[in-house]
Amino acid sequence: MSFPIGGIMPVGMGAVTGVAGATEGVAQAQRADGFSAVLSATFDKLQGTQAASDQLAAQAATGDLKDVHDYMIARNEASLATEMVVTFKNKAVEAFNEIMRMPV
């Protein structure tokens, strides 16, 4: 049994969820329905992370953002989350193709 490692919670970022929050949602989904629930929860968390980053970007563009560090952290978090999900998808497709090549 593996235990997810929680991330460092950001300080002063009400709209942005931290990595620890994402792993908690994925862990709950994993207990519920397995692979499809984990995949669904991962995409939901990715969408939420990107939406928070977009919201902070809009605030930065209009001059409403008080601290640019909040946006930079959110943008990097969204970028890393996207990269992780794409890598996960590529490995899943690779594994599926490998299974399909197995002789029966």
N, C-alpha and C. Protein backbone atom coordinates (compact mmCIF):
# COMPACT_ATOMS: atom_id res chain seq x y z
N MET A 1 0.84 -1.17 0.00
CA MET A 1 0.00 0.00 0.00
C MET A 1 0.89 1.23 0.00
N SER A 2 0.60 2.15 -0.90
CA SER A 2 1.40 3.37 -0.96
C SER A 2 0.62 4.53 -0.36
N PHE A 3 1.35 5.46 0.20
CA PHE A 3 0.75 6.63 0.81
C PHE A 3 1.19 7.85 0.02
N PRO A 4 0.24 8.69 -0.45
CA PRO A 4 0.64 9.88 -1.18
C PRO A 4 1.36 10.86 -0.28
N ILE A 5 2.35 11.51 -0.83
CA ILE A 5 3.11 12.50 -0.09
C ILE A 5 2.46 13.85 -0.33
N GLY A 6 2.05 14.50 0.73
CA GLY A 6 1.42 15.81 0.61
C GLY A 6 2.43 16.87 0.30
N GLY A 7 2.03 17.86 -0.48
CA GLY A 7 2.91 18.96 -0.84
C GLY A 7 2.90 20.03 0.23
N ILE A 8 3.72 21.02 0.05
CA ILE A 8 3.75 22.16 0.94
C ILE A 8 2.60 23.06 0.56
N MET A 9 1.76 23.38 1.52
CA MET A 9 0.59 24.21 1.26
C MET A 9 1.04 25.66 1.02
N PRO A 10 0.54 26.28 -0.06
CA PRO A 10 0.91 27.66 -0.33
C PRO A 10 0.33 28.59 0.72
N VAL A 11 1.03 29.67 0.98
CA VAL A 11 0.60 30.64 1.98
C VAL A 11 -0.08 31.80 1.28
N GLY A 12 -1.28 32.13 1.74
CA GLY A 12 -1.97 33.29 1.22
C GLY A 12 -2.54 33.13 -0.17
N MET A 13 -2.88 31.93 -0.57
CA MET A 13 -3.42 31.70 -1.90
C MET A 13 -4.78 31.03 -1.77
N GLY A 14 -5.80 31.79 -1.48
CA GLY A 14 -7.12 31.24 -1.23
C GLY A 14 -7.72 30.53 -2.42
N ALA A 15 -7.51 31.02 -3.64
CA ALA A 15 -8.16 30.45 -4.82
C ALA A 15 -7.42 29.23 -5.35
N VAL A 16 -6.17 29.07 -5.01
CA VAL A 16 -5.36 28.01 -5.57
C VAL A 16 -5.28 26.85 -4.59
N THR A 17 -5.57 25.64 -5.08
CA THR A 17 -5.44 24.47 -4.22
C THR A 17 -4.03 23.93 -4.33
N GLY A 18 -3.50 23.43 -3.24
CA GLY A 18 -2.15 22.90 -3.24
C GLY A 18 -2.09 21.48 -3.75
N VAL A 19 -0.90 20.96 -3.91
CA VAL A 19 -0.70 19.61 -4.38
C VAL A 19 -1.27 18.61 -3.38
N ALA A 20 -1.21 18.93 -2.09
CA ALA A 20 -1.75 18.02 -1.08
C ALA A 20 -3.24 17.81 -1.28
N GLY A 21 -3.96 18.85 -1.64
CA GLY A 21 -5.39 18.73 -1.89
C GLY A 21 -5.67 17.85 -3.09
N ALA A 22 -4.83 17.92 -4.10
CA ALA A 22 -5.01 17.10 -5.29
C ALA A 22 -4.78 15.63 -4.98
N THR A 23 -3.78 15.32 -4.17
CA THR A 23 -3.51 13.92 -3.86
C THR A 23 -4.58 13.33 -2.97
N GLU A 24 -5.19 14.16 -2.12
CA GLU A 24 -6.27 13.65 -1.27
C GLU A 24 -7.47 13.25 -2.11
N GLY A 25 -7.83 14.06 -3.11
CA GLY A 25 -8.95 13.74 -3.97
C GLY A 25 -8.69 12.50 -4.80
N VAL A 26 -7.48 12.35 -5.30
CA VAL A 26 -7.12 11.18 -6.08
C VAL A 26 -7.13 9.93 -5.20
N ALA A 27 -6.64 10.05 -3.96
CA ALA A 27 -6.62 8.91 -3.06
C ALA A 27 -8.04 8.45 -2.72
N GLN A 28 -8.96 9.39 -2.52
CA GLN A 28 -10.35 9.03 -2.25
C GLN A 28 -10.97 8.36 -3.46
N ALA A 29 -10.69 8.86 -4.65
CA ALA A 29 -11.24 8.26 -5.86
C ALA A 29 -10.66 6.86 -6.08
N GLN A 30 -9.41 6.68 -5.73
CA GLN A 30 -8.77 5.38 -5.91
C GLN A 30 -9.45 4.33 -5.05
N ARG A 31 -9.85 4.70 -3.85
CA ARG A 31 -10.55 3.76 -2.99
C ARG A 31 -11.95 3.45 -3.50
N ALA A 32 -12.54 4.38 -4.24
CA ALA A 32 -13.93 4.22 -4.67
C ALA A 32 -14.06 3.27 -5.85
N ASP A 33 -13.55 3.61 -7.01
CA ASP A 33 -13.84 2.84 -8.21
C ASP A 33 -12.62 2.37 -8.98
N GLY A 34 -11.45 2.67 -8.56
CA GLY A 34 -10.27 2.19 -9.25
C GLY A 34 -9.74 3.17 -10.27
N PHE A 35 -9.26 2.62 -11.37
CA PHE A 35 -8.53 3.39 -12.37
C PHE A 35 -9.36 4.51 -12.99
N SER A 36 -10.58 4.23 -13.38
CA SER A 36 -11.40 5.25 -14.03
C SER A 36 -11.69 6.42 -13.08
N ALA A 37 -11.90 6.12 -11.81
CA ALA A 37 -12.15 7.19 -10.84
C ALA A 37 -10.90 8.02 -10.60
N VAL A 38 -9.75 7.38 -10.56
CA VAL A 38 -8.49 8.11 -10.39
C VAL A 38 -8.25 9.01 -11.58
N LEU A 39 -8.48 8.49 -12.78
CA LEU A 39 -8.29 9.27 -13.99
C LEU A 39 -9.24 10.47 -14.02
N SER A 40 -10.48 10.24 -13.68
CA SER A 40 -11.47 11.31 -13.65
C SER A 40 -11.11 12.37 -12.61
N ALA A 41 -10.72 11.94 -11.41
CA ALA A 41 -10.34 12.88 -10.35
C ALA A 41 -9.10 13.68 -10.75
N THR A 42 -8.17 13.04 -11.43
CA THR A 42 -6.96 13.73 -11.88
C THR A 42 -7.29 14.82 -12.89
N PHE A 43 -8.16 14.52 -13.84
CA PHE A 43 -8.56 15.52 -14.83
C PHE A 43 -9.34 16.65 -14.18
N ASP A 44 -10.18 16.33 -13.20
CA ASP A 44 -10.93 17.37 -12.48
C ASP A 44 -9.98 18.31 -11.73
N LYS A 45 -8.99 17.74 -11.06
CA LYS A 45 -8.03 18.56 -10.33
C LYS A 45 -7.19 19.40 -11.28
N LEU A 46 -6.83 18.83 -12.44
CA LEU A 46 -6.08 19.58 -13.44
C LEU A 46 -6.90 20.77 -13.94
N GLN A 47 -8.16 20.53 -14.21
CA GLN A 47 -9.02 21.61 -14.67
C GLN A 47 -9.16 22.70 -13.61
N GLY A 48 -9.29 22.32 -12.36
CA GLY A 48 -9.38 23.29 -11.28
C GLY A 48 -8.12 24.10 -11.12
N THR A 49 -6.98 23.44 -11.24
CA THR A 49 -5.69 24.13 -11.13
C THR A 49 -5.51 25.13 -12.27
N GLN A 50 -5.88 24.72 -13.49
CA GLN A 50 -5.76 25.61 -14.63
C GLN A 50 -6.74 26.79 -14.52
N ALA A 51 -7.94 26.53 -14.01
CA ALA A 51 -8.92 27.60 -13.85
C ALA A 51 -8.44 28.64 -12.83
N ALA A 52 -7.85 28.17 -11.73
CA ALA A 52 -7.32 29.09 -10.72
C ALA A 52 -6.19 29.92 -11.30
N SER A 53 -5.34 29.29 -12.09
CA SER A 53 -4.24 30.01 -12.73
C SER A 53 -4.77 31.05 -13.71
N ASP A 54 -5.79 30.68 -14.48
CA ASP A 54 -6.38 31.62 -15.43
C ASP A 54 -7.04 32.80 -14.72
N GLN A 55 -7.66 32.52 -13.59
CA GLN A 55 -8.30 33.58 -12.81
C GLN A 55 -7.24 34.58 -12.30
N LEU A 56 -6.14 34.05 -11.81
CA LEU A 56 -5.07 34.93 -11.34
C LEU A 56 -4.42 35.69 -12.50
N ALA A 57 -4.35 35.06 -13.67
CA ALA A 57 -3.80 35.75 -14.85
C ALA A 57 -4.70 36.92 -15.24
N ALA A 58 -6.01 36.71 -15.19
CA ALA A 58 -6.94 37.79 -15.50
C ALA A 58 -6.81 38.93 -14.49
N GLN A 59 -6.63 38.57 -13.22
CA GLN A 59 -6.44 39.60 -12.21
C GLN A 59 -5.14 40.37 -12.45
N ALA A 60 -4.10 39.66 -12.87
CA ALA A 60 -2.82 40.32 -13.16
C ALA A 60 -2.95 41.25 -14.36
N ALA A 61 -3.72 40.84 -15.36
CA ALA A 61 -3.89 41.66 -16.56
C ALA A 61 -4.69 42.92 -16.28
N THR A 62 -5.64 42.84 -15.36
CA THR A 62 -6.46 44.01 -15.05
C THR A 62 -5.87 44.88 -13.95
N GLY A 63 -4.80 44.41 -13.31
CA GLY A 63 -4.16 45.18 -12.25
C GLY A 63 -4.76 44.95 -10.88
N ASP A 64 -5.65 43.95 -10.76
CA ASP A 64 -6.28 43.66 -9.48
C ASP A 64 -5.45 42.73 -8.60
N LEU A 65 -4.42 42.12 -9.14
CA LEU A 65 -3.60 41.17 -8.39
C LEU A 65 -2.60 41.94 -7.54
N LYS A 66 -2.62 41.66 -6.24
CA LYS A 66 -1.74 42.39 -5.32
C LYS A 66 -0.33 41.81 -5.30
N ASP A 67 -0.23 40.49 -5.45
CA ASP A 67 1.09 39.85 -5.36
C ASP A 67 1.30 38.97 -6.59
N VAL A 68 2.25 39.32 -7.42
CA VAL A 68 2.51 38.58 -8.66
C VAL A 68 3.01 37.17 -8.37
N HIS A 69 3.55 36.96 -7.18
CA HIS A 69 4.05 35.63 -6.83
C HIS A 69 2.92 34.60 -6.81
N ASP A 70 1.73 35.02 -6.42
CA ASP A 70 0.59 34.10 -6.43
C ASP A 70 0.33 33.56 -7.83
N TYR A 71 0.38 34.46 -8.81
CA TYR A 71 0.16 34.03 -10.19
C TYR A 71 1.28 33.13 -10.68
N MET A 72 2.52 33.48 -10.38
CA MET A 72 3.65 32.68 -10.85
C MET A 72 3.61 31.27 -10.26
N ILE A 73 3.27 31.16 -9.00
CA ILE A 73 3.17 29.85 -8.36
C ILE A 73 2.04 29.05 -8.98
N ALA A 74 0.88 29.68 -9.17
CA ALA A 74 -0.27 28.99 -9.76
C ALA A 74 0.03 28.55 -11.19
N ARG A 75 0.71 29.40 -11.96
CA ARG A 75 1.03 29.06 -13.34
C ARG A 75 1.99 27.87 -13.40
N ASN A 76 3.00 27.87 -12.54
CA ASN A 76 3.94 26.75 -12.50
C ASN A 76 3.27 25.47 -12.03
N GLU A 77 2.37 25.60 -11.05
CA GLU A 77 1.64 24.43 -10.57
C GLU A 77 0.77 23.85 -11.69
N ALA A 78 0.09 24.71 -12.44
CA ALA A 78 -0.74 24.25 -13.55
C ALA A 78 0.10 23.62 -14.65
N SER A 79 1.25 24.20 -14.92
CA SER A 79 2.14 23.65 -15.93
C SER A 79 2.65 22.27 -15.55
N LEU A 80 3.08 22.13 -14.31
CA LEU A 80 3.56 20.83 -13.84
C LEU A 80 2.45 19.79 -13.82
N ALA A 81 1.26 20.20 -13.42
CA ALA A 81 0.13 19.27 -13.39
C ALA A 81 -0.22 18.81 -14.80
N THR A 82 -0.19 19.73 -15.75
CA THR A 82 -0.47 19.36 -17.15
C THR A 82 0.58 18.39 -17.67
N GLU A 83 1.83 18.68 -17.38
CA GLU A 83 2.91 17.80 -17.81
C GLU A 83 2.78 16.41 -17.20
N MET A 84 2.39 16.36 -15.93
CA MET A 84 2.22 15.07 -15.26
C MET A 84 1.07 14.28 -15.88
N VAL A 85 -0.05 14.93 -16.16
CA VAL A 85 -1.20 14.24 -16.73
C VAL A 85 -0.88 13.75 -18.15
N VAL A 86 -0.19 14.55 -18.93
CA VAL A 86 0.18 14.13 -20.28
C VAL A 86 1.13 12.93 -20.23
N THR A 87 2.08 12.96 -19.32
CA THR A 87 3.00 11.83 -19.16
C THR A 87 2.24 10.58 -18.72
N PHE A 88 1.31 10.74 -17.80
CA PHE A 88 0.49 9.63 -17.33
C PHE A 88 -0.30 9.04 -18.48
N LYS A 89 -0.90 9.91 -19.31
CA LYS A 89 -1.68 9.45 -20.46
C LYS A 89 -0.79 8.71 -21.45
N ASN A 90 0.39 9.24 -21.72
CA ASN A 90 1.30 8.60 -22.66
C ASN A 90 1.73 7.22 -22.17
N LYS A 91 1.99 7.09 -20.87
CA LYS A 91 2.38 5.79 -20.32
C LYS A 91 1.21 4.81 -20.37
N ALA A 92 0.00 5.28 -20.14
CA ALA A 92 -1.18 4.41 -20.20
C ALA A 92 -1.39 3.90 -21.63
N VAL A 93 -1.24 4.78 -22.62
CA VAL A 93 -1.38 4.38 -24.01
C VAL A 93 -0.28 3.41 -24.39
N GLU A 94 0.92 3.67 -23.94
CA GLU A 94 2.05 2.78 -24.20
C GLU A 94 1.80 1.39 -23.60
N ALA A 95 1.29 1.35 -22.39
CA ALA A 95 0.98 0.06 -21.75
C ALA A 95 -0.13 -0.66 -22.49
N PHE A 96 -1.16 0.06 -22.92
CA PHE A 96 -2.24 -0.55 -23.69
C PHE A 96 -1.73 -1.13 -24.99
N ASN A 97 -0.89 -0.37 -25.70
CA ASN A 97 -0.33 -0.88 -26.96
C ASN A 97 0.54 -2.11 -26.73
N GLU A 98 1.27 -2.13 -25.64
CA GLU A 98 2.11 -3.28 -25.32
C GLU A 98 1.25 -4.52 -25.03
N ILE A 99 0.14 -4.31 -24.33
CA ILE A 99 -0.78 -5.43 -24.06
C ILE A 99 -1.40 -5.93 -25.35
N MET A 100 -1.74 -5.03 -26.26
CA MET A 100 -2.35 -5.44 -27.53
C MET A 100 -1.37 -6.20 -28.40
N ARG A 101 -0.07 -6.01 -28.25
CA ARG A 101 0.95 -6.73 -29.01
C ARG A 101 1.25 -8.12 -28.46
N MET A 102 0.75 -8.42 -27.28
CA MET A 102 1.02 -9.74 -26.68
C MET A 102 0.32 -10.84 -27.46
N PRO A 103 1.02 -11.94 -27.67
CA PRO A 103 0.37 -13.07 -28.35
C PRO A 103 -0.63 -13.74 -27.40
N VAL A 104 -1.71 -14.20 -27.99
CA VAL A 104 -2.76 -14.83 -27.17
C VAL A 104 -2.56 -16.32 -27.11
